[in-house]
Amino acid sequence: MRTAPDPRRELRERQFARLSVQARARIRIGKRAYAGYIENISEGGARIVTLTPIRESGPVTVTVPDLEPLRGELRWSDGCIGGVQFRLKLDSLVLHRWLSLRIRKAA
């Protein structure tokens, strides 16, 4: 698995702006399950943080409260941090409703 990308290059290549959030998540990568959270999210992907190091690449399913499971591919990882590209674009209205719900629950 390759290391984390250069943030400047990542911003130039990213199609959707990432929004900061911290939401608990169950993360399945290949055949392994991880506990962790989403650190940021967009319509096209998310940065995940796991409690134990990511040991394999492959298809990813991220399950968070109040949102359908997010399926995609692990694009990169570095220890306990990884980048997921969603297979299907997450609807922006669904994403913004979910984010506003997270903010209300945190308040």
Protein backbone atom coordinates (compact mmCIF):
# COMPACT_ATOMS: atom_id res chain seq x y z
CA MET A 1 0.00 0.00 0.00
CA ARG A 2 1.45 3.37 -0.92
CA THR A 3 1.96 6.13 1.59
CA ALA A 4 -0.17 9.24 2.05
CA PRO A 5 -0.20 11.57 -0.97
CA ASP A 6 1.24 15.07 -1.07
CA PRO A 7 -1.62 17.30 0.26
CA ARG A 8 -0.96 20.00 -2.40
CA ARG A 9 -1.26 17.46 -5.22
CA GLU A 10 -4.29 15.86 -3.56
CA LEU A 11 -6.10 19.24 -3.50
CA ARG A 12 -5.36 19.88 -7.18
CA GLU A 13 -6.68 16.44 -8.18
CA ARG A 14 -9.70 16.29 -5.87
CA GLN A 15 -13.03 16.70 -7.66
CA PHE A 16 -15.10 17.47 -4.53
CA ALA A 17 -14.25 19.65 -1.52
CA ARG A 18 -13.82 17.67 1.69
CA LEU A 19 -15.78 18.72 4.77
CA SER A 20 -14.40 18.13 8.26
CA VAL A 21 -16.39 15.80 10.49
CA GLN A 22 -15.65 13.26 13.16
CA ALA A 23 -18.12 10.39 13.03
CA ARG A 24 -17.66 6.92 14.51
CA ALA A 25 -17.48 4.27 11.83
CA ARG A 26 -17.26 0.55 11.26
CA ILE A 27 -14.86 0.03 8.40
CA ARG A 28 -14.41 -3.15 6.37
CA ILE A 29 -11.41 -3.30 4.06
CA GLY A 30 -11.15 -6.52 2.12
CA LYS A 31 -11.80 -9.25 4.68
CA ARG A 32 -10.73 -7.22 7.76
CA ALA A 33 -13.00 -5.15 10.00
CA TYR A 34 -11.78 -2.03 11.78
CA ALA A 35 -13.23 0.35 14.34
CA GLY A 36 -12.53 4.01 13.66
CA TYR A 37 -14.03 7.20 12.37
CA ILE A 38 -14.40 9.43 9.36
CA GLU A 39 -12.22 12.53 9.60
CA ASN A 40 -13.53 14.28 6.48
CA ILE A 41 -16.01 13.49 3.72
CA SER A 42 -17.16 14.69 0.31
CA GLU A 43 -19.52 13.46 -2.36
CA GLY A 44 -16.66 11.42 -3.81
CA GLY A 45 -14.82 10.00 -0.83
CA ALA A 46 -13.62 10.20 2.75
CA ARG A 47 -10.55 10.12 4.93
CA ILE A 48 -10.80 7.31 7.46
CA VAL A 49 -8.88 6.77 10.67
CA THR A 50 -8.76 3.28 12.18
CA LEU A 51 -7.85 2.29 15.72
CA THR A 52 -5.40 -0.33 14.44
CA PRO A 53 -3.09 -0.13 11.40
CA ILE A 54 -4.63 -0.82 8.01
CA ARG A 55 -3.08 -4.07 6.80
CA GLU A 56 -4.56 -4.65 3.37
CA SER A 57 -6.10 -2.86 0.44
CA GLY A 58 -9.26 -3.69 -1.45
CA PRO A 59 -12.93 -2.87 -1.47
CA VAL A 60 -14.11 -0.75 1.47
CA THR A 61 -17.45 -0.46 3.23
CA VAL A 62 -17.77 2.38 5.75
CA THR A 63 -20.81 2.26 8.03
CA VAL A 64 -21.69 5.37 10.04
CA PRO A 65 -24.83 6.24 12.02
CA ASP A 66 -27.74 7.76 10.07
CA LEU A 67 -26.33 7.06 6.60
CA GLU A 68 -26.48 4.13 4.18
CA PRO A 69 -23.22 2.12 4.04
CA LEU A 70 -20.62 3.84 1.86
CA ARG A 71 -18.87 1.50 -0.57
CA GLY A 72 -15.66 2.24 -2.40
CA GLU A 73 -11.97 1.50 -2.82
CA LEU A 74 -9.04 2.24 -0.56
CA ARG A 75 -6.89 4.62 -2.64
CA TRP A 76 -4.06 5.02 -0.13
CA SER A 77 -3.14 4.30 3.46
CA ASP A 78 -0.43 5.28 5.92
CA GLY A 79 -0.62 3.43 9.22
CA CYS A 80 -4.09 4.07 10.65
CA ILE A 81 -5.15 6.69 8.09
CA GLY A 82 -6.58 6.00 4.65
CA GLY A 83 -8.38 7.57 1.73
CA VAL A 84 -11.54 6.02 0.33
CA GLN A 85 -12.97 6.81 -3.09
CA PHE A 86 -16.69 6.02 -3.21
CA ARG A 87 -17.96 3.84 -6.07
CA LEU A 88 -21.05 6.00 -6.42
CA LYS A 89 -21.13 9.72 -5.80
CA LEU A 90 -22.86 10.57 -2.52
CA ASP A 91 -25.77 12.94 -3.19
CA SER A 92 -24.81 16.42 -1.95
CA LEU A 93 -28.22 17.00 -0.34
CA VAL A 94 -27.96 13.71 1.58
CA LEU A 95 -24.40 14.60 2.61
CA HIS A 96 -25.33 18.09 3.87
CA ARG A 97 -28.37 16.77 5.76
CA TRP A 98 -26.18 14.14 7.40
CA LEU A 99 -23.54 16.72 8.33
CA SER A 100 -26.14 19.06 9.84
CA LEU A 101 -27.49 16.13 11.88
CA ARG A 102 -23.95 15.42 13.16
CA ILE A 103 -23.59 19.08 14.20
CA ARG A 104 -26.94 19.05 16.05
CA LYS A 105 -26.05 15.81 17.88
CA ALA A 106 -22.68 17.27 18.92
CA ALA A 107 -24.23 20.45 20.34
